[in-house]
Amino acid sequence: MIEIGIIFGSSIFLGTIITIFIIFFMGNTVLDGLGLVYQYLYPEHLLRIIAAFMALVGFLQLPIIFTINNIKTIDLIEE
């Protein structure tokens, strides 16, 4: 489970860095060029975004949990 936590944490970190880079790149090149007004962060929607993300992560954990529970170790095979 520690490995899954490390992979999950590093993916969140890298995803955050890439998303911030893309937001600033799109804002400075595309949106400013079109004359559109934009906002980087919408704090009123942050709770909804976190809840949707946690629901998705929880849903994606189900196959992993079922697979880990169905793995038969050598000790169980010998019995």
N, C-alpha and C. Protein backbone atom coordinates (compact mmCIF):
# COMPACT_ATOMS: atom_id res chain seq x y z
N MET A 1 0.82 -1.20 0.00
CA MET A 1 0.00 0.00 0.00
C MET A 1 0.86 1.27 0.00
N ILE A 2 2.07 1.15 0.53
CA ILE A 2 2.95 2.32 0.53
C ILE A 2 3.32 2.70 -0.90
N GLU A 3 3.55 1.68 -1.74
CA GLU A 3 3.90 1.96 -3.13
C GLU A 3 2.77 2.68 -3.85
N ILE A 4 1.54 2.24 -3.59
CA ILE A 4 0.40 2.91 -4.21
C ILE A 4 0.31 4.36 -3.75
N GLY A 5 0.58 4.61 -2.47
CA GLY A 5 0.57 5.97 -1.95
C GLY A 5 1.64 6.84 -2.58
N ILE A 6 2.83 6.26 -2.77
CA ILE A 6 3.92 7.01 -3.41
C ILE A 6 3.56 7.34 -4.85
N ILE A 7 3.04 6.38 -5.58
CA ILE A 7 2.66 6.61 -6.97
C ILE A 7 1.53 7.64 -7.05
N PHE A 8 0.54 7.52 -6.17
CA PHE A 8 -0.57 8.45 -6.16
C PHE A 8 -0.10 9.87 -5.83
N GLY A 9 0.73 9.99 -4.80
CA GLY A 9 1.24 11.31 -4.40
C GLY A 9 2.09 11.96 -5.48
N SER A 10 2.97 11.17 -6.11
CA SER A 10 3.81 11.74 -7.16
C SER A 10 2.99 12.11 -8.39
N SER A 11 1.95 11.34 -8.70
CA SER A 11 1.12 11.69 -9.84
C SER A 11 0.32 12.97 -9.58
N ILE A 12 -0.16 13.13 -8.34
CA ILE A 12 -0.86 14.37 -7.98
C ILE A 12 0.08 15.56 -8.10
N PHE A 13 1.30 15.41 -7.61
CA PHE A 13 2.28 16.48 -7.66
C PHE A 13 2.62 16.85 -9.11
N LEU A 14 2.94 15.84 -9.92
CA LEU A 14 3.28 16.12 -11.31
C LEU A 14 2.09 16.67 -12.09
N GLY A 15 0.90 16.14 -11.82
CA GLY A 15 -0.29 16.66 -12.47
C GLY A 15 -0.56 18.11 -12.13
N THR A 16 -0.32 18.47 -10.87
CA THR A 16 -0.50 19.86 -10.44
C THR A 16 0.48 20.78 -11.15
N ILE A 17 1.73 20.38 -11.21
CA ILE A 17 2.75 21.20 -11.87
C ILE A 17 2.43 21.37 -13.35
N ILE A 18 2.06 20.28 -14.02
CA ILE A 18 1.74 20.36 -15.46
C ILE A 18 0.50 21.21 -15.69
N THR A 19 -0.51 21.06 -14.84
CA THR A 19 -1.73 21.85 -14.98
C THR A 19 -1.48 23.34 -14.80
N ILE A 20 -0.68 23.70 -13.79
CA ILE A 20 -0.36 25.11 -13.57
C ILE A 20 0.39 25.67 -14.77
N PHE A 21 1.33 24.90 -15.30
CA PHE A 21 2.08 25.36 -16.48
C PHE A 21 1.13 25.57 -17.67
N ILE A 22 0.23 24.63 -17.90
CA ILE A 22 -0.70 24.74 -19.03
C ILE A 22 -1.65 25.92 -18.84
N ILE A 23 -2.12 26.14 -17.61
CA ILE A 23 -3.02 27.27 -17.35
C ILE A 23 -2.34 28.59 -17.67
N PHE A 24 -1.10 28.77 -17.19
CA PHE A 24 -0.40 30.02 -17.46
C PHE A 24 -0.06 30.15 -18.94
N PHE A 25 0.31 29.06 -19.57
CA PHE A 25 0.64 29.10 -21.00
C PHE A 25 -0.59 29.46 -21.83
N MET A 26 -1.71 28.80 -21.54
CA MET A 26 -2.94 29.09 -22.28
C MET A 26 -3.41 30.52 -22.00
N GLY A 27 -3.30 30.96 -20.76
CA GLY A 27 -3.74 32.31 -20.42
C GLY A 27 -2.93 33.38 -21.12
N ASN A 28 -1.61 33.18 -21.14
CA ASN A 28 -0.75 34.21 -21.71
C ASN A 28 -0.72 34.19 -23.23
N THR A 29 -0.93 33.06 -23.84
CA THR A 29 -0.84 33.01 -25.30
C THR A 29 -2.21 33.07 -25.97
N VAL A 30 -3.08 32.18 -25.61
CA VAL A 30 -4.35 32.05 -26.34
C VAL A 30 -5.39 33.05 -25.86
N LEU A 31 -5.68 33.03 -24.57
CA LEU A 31 -6.78 33.85 -24.06
C LEU A 31 -6.49 35.34 -24.13
N ASP A 32 -5.26 35.74 -23.81
CA ASP A 32 -4.91 37.16 -23.94
C ASP A 32 -4.93 37.60 -25.40
N GLY A 33 -4.51 36.70 -26.28
CA GLY A 33 -4.51 37.02 -27.71
C GLY A 33 -5.92 37.22 -28.25
N LEU A 34 -6.88 36.50 -27.68
CA LEU A 34 -8.27 36.66 -28.12
C LEU A 34 -8.99 37.78 -27.40
N GLY A 35 -8.36 38.35 -26.40
CA GLY A 35 -8.97 39.43 -25.64
C GLY A 35 -9.99 38.95 -24.63
N LEU A 36 -9.91 37.70 -24.21
CA LEU A 36 -10.86 37.14 -23.25
C LEU A 36 -10.39 37.42 -21.82
N VAL A 37 -11.34 37.59 -20.93
CA VAL A 37 -11.05 37.78 -19.51
C VAL A 37 -11.18 36.43 -18.84
N TYR A 38 -10.23 36.05 -18.02
CA TYR A 38 -10.23 34.75 -17.37
C TYR A 38 -9.74 34.87 -15.94
N GLN A 39 -9.95 33.82 -15.19
CA GLN A 39 -9.54 33.77 -13.79
C GLN A 39 -8.84 32.42 -13.58
N TYR A 40 -7.71 32.42 -12.87
CA TYR A 40 -6.95 31.19 -12.68
C TYR A 40 -7.61 30.24 -11.69
N LEU A 41 -8.19 30.75 -10.64
CA LEU A 41 -8.71 29.91 -9.58
C LEU A 41 -10.13 30.34 -9.23
N TYR A 42 -11.01 29.37 -9.09
CA TYR A 42 -12.39 29.61 -8.68
C TYR A 42 -12.60 28.97 -7.32
N PRO A 43 -12.38 29.71 -6.23
CA PRO A 43 -12.48 29.11 -4.90
C PRO A 43 -13.87 28.61 -4.55
N GLU A 44 -14.91 29.17 -5.14
CA GLU A 44 -16.27 28.73 -4.82
C GLU A 44 -16.55 27.33 -5.37
N HIS A 45 -15.78 26.87 -6.34
CA HIS A 45 -15.97 25.54 -6.91
C HIS A 45 -14.94 24.53 -6.43
N LEU A 46 -14.04 24.94 -5.56
CA LEU A 46 -12.96 24.07 -5.12
C LEU A 46 -13.47 22.84 -4.37
N LEU A 47 -14.47 23.01 -3.52
CA LEU A 47 -15.01 21.88 -2.77
C LEU A 47 -15.65 20.85 -3.70
N ARG A 48 -16.35 21.29 -4.72
CA ARG A 48 -16.96 20.37 -5.68
C ARG A 48 -15.88 19.60 -6.46
N ILE A 49 -14.83 20.29 -6.83
CA ILE A 49 -13.75 19.65 -7.58
C ILE A 49 -13.07 18.59 -6.73
N ILE A 50 -12.79 18.90 -5.47
CA ILE A 50 -12.15 17.94 -4.57
C ILE A 50 -13.06 16.75 -4.33
N ALA A 51 -14.36 16.98 -4.14
CA ALA A 51 -15.30 15.88 -3.91
C ALA A 51 -15.39 14.96 -5.14
N ALA A 52 -15.44 15.54 -6.32
CA ALA A 52 -15.49 14.73 -7.54
C ALA A 52 -14.20 13.94 -7.72
N PHE A 53 -13.08 14.56 -7.41
CA PHE A 53 -11.80 13.88 -7.53
C PHE A 53 -11.69 12.72 -6.55
N MET A 54 -12.11 12.93 -5.32
CA MET A 54 -12.05 11.87 -4.31
C MET A 54 -13.01 10.72 -4.67
N ALA A 55 -14.17 11.04 -5.23
CA ALA A 55 -15.09 9.99 -5.66
C ALA A 55 -14.48 9.17 -6.79
N LEU A 56 -13.84 9.83 -7.73
CA LEU A 56 -13.19 9.12 -8.83
C LEU A 56 -12.06 8.24 -8.34
N VAL A 57 -11.23 8.77 -7.45
CA VAL A 57 -10.12 7.98 -6.90
C VAL A 57 -10.64 6.79 -6.12
N GLY A 58 -11.68 6.98 -5.33
CA GLY A 58 -12.27 5.87 -4.58
C GLY A 58 -12.84 4.81 -5.49
N PHE A 59 -13.48 5.23 -6.56
CA PHE A 59 -14.05 4.28 -7.52
C PHE A 59 -12.96 3.49 -8.22
N LEU A 60 -11.85 4.15 -8.54
CA LEU A 60 -10.75 3.47 -9.24
C LEU A 60 -9.97 2.53 -8.32
N GLN A 61 -10.11 2.66 -7.00
CA GLN A 61 -9.42 1.78 -6.07
C GLN A 61 -10.09 0.41 -5.96
N LEU A 62 -11.35 0.29 -6.33
CA LEU A 62 -12.08 -0.97 -6.17
C LEU A 62 -11.42 -2.14 -6.90
N PRO A 63 -11.04 -2.04 -8.17
CA PRO A 63 -10.39 -3.18 -8.81
C PRO A 63 -9.07 -3.56 -8.14
N ILE A 64 -8.33 -2.58 -7.66
CA ILE A 64 -7.06 -2.87 -7.00
C ILE A 64 -7.31 -3.63 -5.71
N ILE A 65 -8.28 -3.22 -4.93
CA ILE A 65 -8.58 -3.89 -3.66
C ILE A 65 -9.06 -5.32 -3.91
N PHE A 66 -9.95 -5.52 -4.89
CA PHE A 66 -10.42 -6.87 -5.19
C PHE A 66 -9.29 -7.76 -5.67
N THR A 67 -8.39 -7.22 -6.49
CA THR A 67 -7.27 -8.01 -6.99
C THR A 67 -6.32 -8.39 -5.88
N ILE A 68 -6.00 -7.46 -4.99
CA ILE A 68 -5.10 -7.75 -3.87
C ILE A 68 -5.71 -8.80 -2.96
N ASN A 69 -7.01 -8.75 -2.73
CA ASN A 69 -7.66 -9.74 -1.86
C ASN A 69 -7.73 -11.12 -2.51
N ASN A 70 -7.72 -11.21 -3.83
CA ASN A 70 -7.82 -12.50 -4.52
C ASN A 70 -6.46 -13.15 -4.78
N ILE A 71 -5.37 -12.47 -4.50
CA ILE A 71 -4.05 -13.04 -4.71
C ILE A 71 -3.82 -14.14 -3.67
N LYS A 72 -3.43 -15.29 -4.17
CA LYS A 72 -3.14 -16.41 -3.27
C LYS A 72 -1.63 -16.49 -3.07
N THR A 73 -1.21 -16.45 -1.84
CA THR A 73 0.21 -16.54 -1.53
C THR A 73 0.63 -18.00 -1.50
N ILE A 74 1.91 -18.23 -1.42
CA ILE A 74 2.44 -19.59 -1.37
C ILE A 74 1.93 -20.32 -0.13
N ASP A 75 1.81 -19.61 0.98
CA ASP A 75 1.31 -20.23 2.21
C ASP A 75 -0.10 -20.75 2.03
N LEU A 76 -0.96 -19.99 1.37
CA LEU A 76 -2.34 -20.43 1.16
C LEU A 76 -2.42 -21.57 0.15
N ILE A 77 -1.54 -21.58 -0.84
CA ILE A 77 -1.55 -22.65 -1.84
C ILE A 77 -1.11 -23.98 -1.20
N GLU A 78 -0.13 -23.93 -0.27
CA GLU A 78 0.36 -25.14 0.37
C GLU A 78 -0.68 -25.76 1.29
N GLU A 79 -1.57 -24.96 1.84
CA GLU A 79 -2.61 -25.49 2.74
C GLU A 79 -3.69 -26.08 1.97
